[in-house]
Every structure is written in C-alpha cells, then in structure tokens.
Amino acid sequence: MRRFIKAADAAFDPDTVQILVDAFDEAWASLVNSADAFASENYAKTSREILAKHIIAAAKNGERDQRKLSKGALDALVQLGGTNLKKPRHDEQP
C-alpha cells in the first residue's frame, strides 16, 4: 500500500497514511478470510492494486473513515466484476 501512496499524485500526513494502510489491510483481510476469488494467487496482485488505488482516490476526495475506505474499495472491486483482473500467462509470475 505504501508504494501506491508514494506513487500517487498527493501528499498525506502520517496519521492519514496510517488510516489508508489500515483500510487497505482491512479490505485485503476481508477478501482473504472470505476465500474470495479476487484474493486467489492468480488475481491477488491486481486486486491489491485496485483496492489501493480506490482507497487513495477516496482519500484525495477527503474521506478519512477507515471503514468507509475499506468498504468502498471492496465495493469497487466487486463492481468491476473481475473485468480488469487478468490471469497471468503461463510464462508470467502471478
């Protein structure tokens, strides 16, 4: 998550960074604990990127509620319905 924050065109104070990291961790744990296909090895990298980017975008718009950030990211992932999730080719690492 922190690398996505660093790459974002925004600056966040340390308290906000912690909220974003915690929201991401909460969203990811929710996927992993539910054994969702988005958390599978084939989709994990892209799913994590989608979650992180959504959380950062919402934070840029002023959202600071960890649960709202987490839920919003999960909702965004579900709304995509997997259309942006690419399975790696056999010669690629997931």
N, C-alpha and C. Protein backbone atom coordinates (compact mmCIF):
# COMPACT_ATOMS: atom_id res chain seq x y z
N MET A 1 0.82 -1.18 0.00
CA MET A 1 0.00 0.00 0.00
C MET A 1 0.87 1.26 0.00
N ARG A 2 1.91 1.23 0.78
CA ARG A 2 2.75 2.44 0.89
C ARG A 2 3.38 2.81 -0.46
N ARG A 3 3.71 1.82 -1.28
CA ARG A 3 4.29 2.16 -2.59
C ARG A 3 3.25 2.83 -3.48
N PHE A 4 1.98 2.46 -3.33
CA PHE A 4 0.93 3.11 -4.10
C PHE A 4 0.73 4.55 -3.62
N ILE A 5 0.85 4.73 -2.32
CA ILE A 5 0.73 6.09 -1.76
C ILE A 5 1.86 6.96 -2.29
N LYS A 6 3.08 6.41 -2.29
CA LYS A 6 4.23 7.18 -2.78
C LYS A 6 4.07 7.53 -4.26
N ALA A 7 3.46 6.64 -5.02
CA ALA A 7 3.29 6.88 -6.46
C ALA A 7 2.11 7.80 -6.76
N ALA A 8 1.23 7.99 -5.79
CA ALA A 8 0.05 8.84 -6.00
C ALA A 8 0.45 10.29 -6.11
N ASP A 9 -0.34 11.02 -6.85
CA ASP A 9 -0.08 12.46 -7.01
C ASP A 9 -0.77 13.20 -5.87
N ALA A 10 -0.36 12.88 -4.64
CA ALA A 10 -0.95 13.50 -3.46
C ALA A 10 0.00 13.35 -2.29
N ALA A 11 -0.16 14.21 -1.32
CA ALA A 11 0.62 14.13 -0.09
C ALA A 11 -0.35 13.95 1.07
N PHE A 12 -0.04 13.00 1.93
CA PHE A 12 -0.88 12.72 3.09
C PHE A 12 -0.01 12.82 4.34
N ASP A 13 -0.60 13.33 5.42
CA ASP A 13 0.12 13.39 6.68
C ASP A 13 0.25 11.97 7.25
N PRO A 14 1.16 11.77 8.20
CA PRO A 14 1.39 10.42 8.73
C PRO A 14 0.14 9.75 9.31
N ASP A 15 -0.72 10.51 9.97
CA ASP A 15 -1.94 9.91 10.52
C ASP A 15 -2.85 9.41 9.41
N THR A 16 -2.95 10.17 8.33
CA THR A 16 -3.78 9.75 7.21
C THR A 16 -3.18 8.53 6.52
N VAL A 17 -1.87 8.52 6.36
CA VAL A 17 -1.21 7.35 5.77
C VAL A 17 -1.56 6.10 6.57
N GLN A 18 -1.53 6.21 7.89
CA GLN A 18 -1.85 5.05 8.72
C GLN A 18 -3.30 4.61 8.51
N ILE A 19 -4.21 5.56 8.38
CA ILE A 19 -5.61 5.23 8.11
C ILE A 19 -5.73 4.48 6.78
N LEU A 20 -5.02 4.96 5.76
CA LEU A 20 -5.07 4.33 4.45
C LEU A 20 -4.50 2.91 4.49
N VAL A 21 -3.39 2.75 5.16
CA VAL A 21 -2.78 1.43 5.29
C VAL A 21 -3.72 0.49 6.04
N ASP A 22 -4.31 0.98 7.12
CA ASP A 22 -5.23 0.15 7.90
C ASP A 22 -6.47 -0.21 7.09
N ALA A 23 -6.98 0.73 6.31
CA ALA A 23 -8.15 0.46 5.46
C ALA A 23 -7.82 -0.60 4.42
N PHE A 24 -6.65 -0.49 3.83
CA PHE A 24 -6.21 -1.48 2.85
C PHE A 24 -6.08 -2.86 3.49
N ASP A 25 -5.41 -2.90 4.64
CA ASP A 25 -5.23 -4.18 5.34
C ASP A 25 -6.57 -4.81 5.70
N GLU A 26 -7.52 -3.97 6.13
CA GLU A 26 -8.85 -4.45 6.48
C GLU A 26 -9.56 -5.03 5.25
N ALA A 27 -9.48 -4.32 4.14
CA ALA A 27 -10.13 -4.79 2.90
C ALA A 27 -9.49 -6.09 2.42
N TRP A 28 -8.18 -6.15 2.44
CA TRP A 28 -7.48 -7.35 1.96
C TRP A 28 -7.79 -8.54 2.87
N ALA A 29 -7.77 -8.33 4.17
CA ALA A 29 -8.09 -9.41 5.11
C ALA A 29 -9.50 -9.92 4.89
N SER A 30 -10.41 -9.03 4.58
CA SER A 30 -11.78 -9.43 4.31
C SER A 30 -11.85 -10.36 3.10
N LEU A 31 -11.11 -10.02 2.06
CA LEU A 31 -11.09 -10.89 0.87
C LEU A 31 -10.46 -12.24 1.18
N VAL A 32 -9.33 -12.22 1.85
CA VAL A 32 -8.63 -13.45 2.17
C VAL A 32 -9.47 -14.35 3.07
N ASN A 33 -10.08 -13.75 4.08
CA ASN A 33 -10.89 -14.53 5.03
C ASN A 33 -12.15 -15.10 4.39
N SER A 34 -12.63 -14.48 3.33
CA SER A 34 -13.82 -14.98 2.67
C SER A 34 -13.48 -15.97 1.56
N ALA A 35 -12.21 -16.21 1.35
CA ALA A 35 -11.73 -17.09 0.29
C ALA A 35 -12.27 -16.64 -1.07
N ASP A 36 -12.38 -15.33 -1.23
CA ASP A 36 -12.88 -14.77 -2.48
C ASP A 36 -11.89 -15.04 -3.61
N ALA A 37 -12.41 -15.23 -4.80
CA ALA A 37 -11.56 -15.49 -5.96
C ALA A 37 -10.60 -14.34 -6.22
N PHE A 38 -11.01 -13.10 -5.87
CA PHE A 38 -10.14 -11.94 -6.08
C PHE A 38 -8.87 -12.05 -5.25
N ALA A 39 -8.89 -12.82 -4.18
CA ALA A 39 -7.72 -12.97 -3.33
C ALA A 39 -6.86 -14.15 -3.76
N SER A 40 -7.31 -14.90 -4.74
CA SER A 40 -6.55 -16.07 -5.18
C SER A 40 -5.21 -15.62 -5.76
N GLU A 41 -4.30 -16.56 -5.82
CA GLU A 41 -2.95 -16.26 -6.29
C GLU A 41 -2.96 -15.63 -7.68
N ASN A 42 -3.87 -16.07 -8.54
CA ASN A 42 -3.91 -15.55 -9.90
C ASN A 42 -4.33 -14.09 -9.99
N TYR A 43 -5.10 -13.63 -9.02
CA TYR A 43 -5.65 -12.28 -9.08
C TYR A 43 -5.17 -11.35 -7.98
N ALA A 44 -4.39 -11.85 -7.07
CA ALA A 44 -4.01 -11.08 -5.88
C ALA A 44 -3.34 -9.75 -6.22
N LYS A 45 -2.38 -9.77 -7.10
CA LYS A 45 -1.63 -8.55 -7.41
C LYS A 45 -2.56 -7.46 -7.95
N THR A 46 -3.39 -7.81 -8.90
CA THR A 46 -4.30 -6.83 -9.49
C THR A 46 -5.36 -6.40 -8.50
N SER A 47 -5.87 -7.33 -7.71
CA SER A 47 -6.88 -6.99 -6.71
C SER A 47 -6.32 -6.01 -5.69
N ARG A 48 -5.11 -6.26 -5.24
CA ARG A 48 -4.49 -5.37 -4.26
C ARG A 48 -4.28 -3.98 -4.86
N GLU A 49 -3.91 -3.93 -6.13
CA GLU A 49 -3.73 -2.64 -6.80
C GLU A 49 -5.05 -1.88 -6.89
N ILE A 50 -6.11 -2.57 -7.25
CA ILE A 50 -7.43 -1.93 -7.35
C ILE A 50 -7.86 -1.39 -5.99
N LEU A 51 -7.70 -2.20 -4.95
CA LEU A 51 -8.06 -1.76 -3.60
C LEU A 51 -7.28 -0.51 -3.21
N ALA A 52 -5.97 -0.57 -3.40
CA ALA A 52 -5.11 0.54 -3.00
C ALA A 52 -5.46 1.82 -3.76
N LYS A 53 -5.63 1.71 -5.06
CA LYS A 53 -5.92 2.90 -5.86
C LYS A 53 -7.27 3.51 -5.50
N HIS A 54 -8.25 2.66 -5.19
CA HIS A 54 -9.55 3.19 -4.80
C HIS A 54 -9.46 3.92 -3.45
N ILE A 55 -8.75 3.34 -2.51
CA ILE A 55 -8.59 3.96 -1.20
C ILE A 55 -7.88 5.31 -1.33
N ILE A 56 -6.85 5.36 -2.13
CA ILE A 56 -6.11 6.61 -2.32
C ILE A 56 -7.00 7.66 -2.99
N ALA A 57 -7.75 7.26 -4.00
CA ALA A 57 -8.64 8.20 -4.69
C ALA A 57 -9.68 8.76 -3.74
N ALA A 58 -10.26 7.89 -2.91
CA ALA A 58 -11.26 8.36 -1.95
C ALA A 58 -10.63 9.30 -0.93
N ALA A 59 -9.41 9.00 -0.52
CA ALA A 59 -8.72 9.87 0.44
C ALA A 59 -8.39 11.23 -0.19
N LYS A 60 -8.05 11.23 -1.47
CA LYS A 60 -7.81 12.50 -2.16
C LYS A 60 -9.06 13.36 -2.16
N ASN A 61 -10.22 12.70 -2.15
CA ASN A 61 -11.50 13.41 -2.13
C ASN A 61 -11.94 13.75 -0.71
N GLY A 62 -11.08 13.46 0.27
CA GLY A 62 -11.35 13.88 1.64
C GLY A 62 -11.84 12.81 2.60
N GLU A 63 -12.07 11.60 2.13
CA GLU A 63 -12.56 10.55 3.02
C GLU A 63 -11.44 10.13 3.98
N ARG A 64 -11.76 10.04 5.25
CA ARG A 64 -10.78 9.63 6.26
C ARG A 64 -11.31 8.53 7.17
N ASP A 65 -12.50 8.07 6.93
CA ASP A 65 -13.09 7.00 7.74
C ASP A 65 -12.57 5.66 7.23
N GLN A 66 -11.82 4.96 8.09
CA GLN A 66 -11.18 3.71 7.68
C GLN A 66 -12.18 2.69 7.15
N ARG A 67 -13.28 2.51 7.84
CA ARG A 67 -14.28 1.52 7.40
C ARG A 67 -14.90 1.89 6.06
N LYS A 68 -15.18 3.18 5.86
CA LYS A 68 -15.75 3.61 4.58
C LYS A 68 -14.74 3.42 3.46
N LEU A 69 -13.48 3.70 3.73
CA LEU A 69 -12.44 3.49 2.72
C LEU A 69 -12.33 2.01 2.36
N SER A 70 -12.33 1.17 3.36
CA SER A 70 -12.22 -0.27 3.14
C SER A 70 -13.42 -0.81 2.37
N LYS A 71 -14.62 -0.46 2.84
CA LYS A 71 -15.83 -0.95 2.19
C LYS A 71 -15.95 -0.41 0.77
N GLY A 72 -15.62 0.84 0.59
CA GLY A 72 -15.67 1.43 -0.75
C GLY A 72 -14.73 0.73 -1.72
N ALA A 73 -13.55 0.37 -1.24
CA ALA A 73 -12.59 -0.34 -2.08
C ALA A 73 -13.10 -1.73 -2.44
N LEU A 74 -13.68 -2.42 -1.47
CA LEU A 74 -14.24 -3.75 -1.75
C LEU A 74 -15.42 -3.64 -2.72
N ASP A 75 -16.25 -2.64 -2.53
CA ASP A 75 -17.38 -2.43 -3.44
C ASP A 75 -16.89 -2.17 -4.86
N ALA A 76 -15.85 -1.36 -4.98
CA ALA A 76 -15.28 -1.05 -6.30
C ALA A 76 -14.75 -2.30 -6.97
N LEU A 77 -14.11 -3.15 -6.21
CA LEU A 77 -13.57 -4.39 -6.75
C LEU A 77 -14.70 -5.30 -7.24
N VAL A 78 -15.75 -5.41 -6.45
CA VAL A 78 -16.89 -6.24 -6.83
C VAL A 78 -17.58 -5.66 -8.06
N GLN A 79 -17.72 -4.34 -8.12
CA GLN A 79 -18.38 -3.70 -9.26
C GLN A 79 -17.63 -3.97 -10.56
N LEU A 80 -16.33 -4.08 -10.46
CA LEU A 80 -15.55 -4.40 -11.65
C LEU A 80 -15.87 -5.81 -12.15
N GLY A 81 -16.34 -6.63 -11.24
CA GLY A 81 -16.74 -7.98 -11.63
C GLY A 81 -15.64 -8.81 -12.23
N GLY A 82 -14.43 -8.44 -11.94
CA GLY A 82 -13.31 -9.21 -12.45
C GLY A 82 -12.89 -8.80 -13.85
N THR A 83 -13.55 -7.82 -14.46
CA THR A 83 -13.23 -7.48 -15.84
C THR A 83 -11.82 -6.92 -15.99
N ASN A 84 -11.31 -6.29 -14.96
CA ASN A 84 -9.95 -5.76 -15.05
C ASN A 84 -8.91 -6.71 -14.45
N LEU A 85 -9.35 -7.84 -13.99
CA LEU A 85 -8.43 -8.79 -13.39
C LEU A 85 -7.95 -9.76 -14.46
N LYS A 86 -6.65 -9.75 -14.66
CA LYS A 86 -6.10 -10.60 -15.71
C LYS A 86 -5.37 -11.77 -15.08
N LYS A 87 -5.66 -12.94 -15.57
CA LYS A 87 -4.89 -14.10 -15.16
C LYS A 87 -3.52 -14.01 -15.83
N PRO A 88 -2.48 -14.37 -15.10
CA PRO A 88 -1.17 -14.33 -15.74
C PRO A 88 -1.06 -15.43 -16.78
N ARG A 89 -0.27 -15.16 -17.79
CA ARG A 89 0.01 -16.22 -18.76
C ARG A 89 0.88 -17.24 -18.07
N HIS A 90 1.00 -18.41 -18.65
CA HIS A 90 1.78 -19.47 -18.01
C HIS A 90 3.24 -19.11 -17.83
N ASP A 91 3.76 -18.22 -18.66
CA ASP A 91 5.16 -17.85 -18.54
C ASP A 91 5.38 -16.64 -17.63
N GLU A 92 4.31 -16.12 -17.02
CA GLU A 92 4.41 -14.99 -16.10
C GLU A 92 4.27 -15.46 -14.66
N GLN A 93 4.86 -14.69 -13.77
CA GLN A 93 4.67 -14.94 -12.35
C GLN A 93 3.45 -14.16 -11.91
N PRO A 94 2.60 -14.73 -11.03
CA PRO A 94 1.43 -14.00 -10.54
C PRO A 94 1.83 -12.81 -9.71
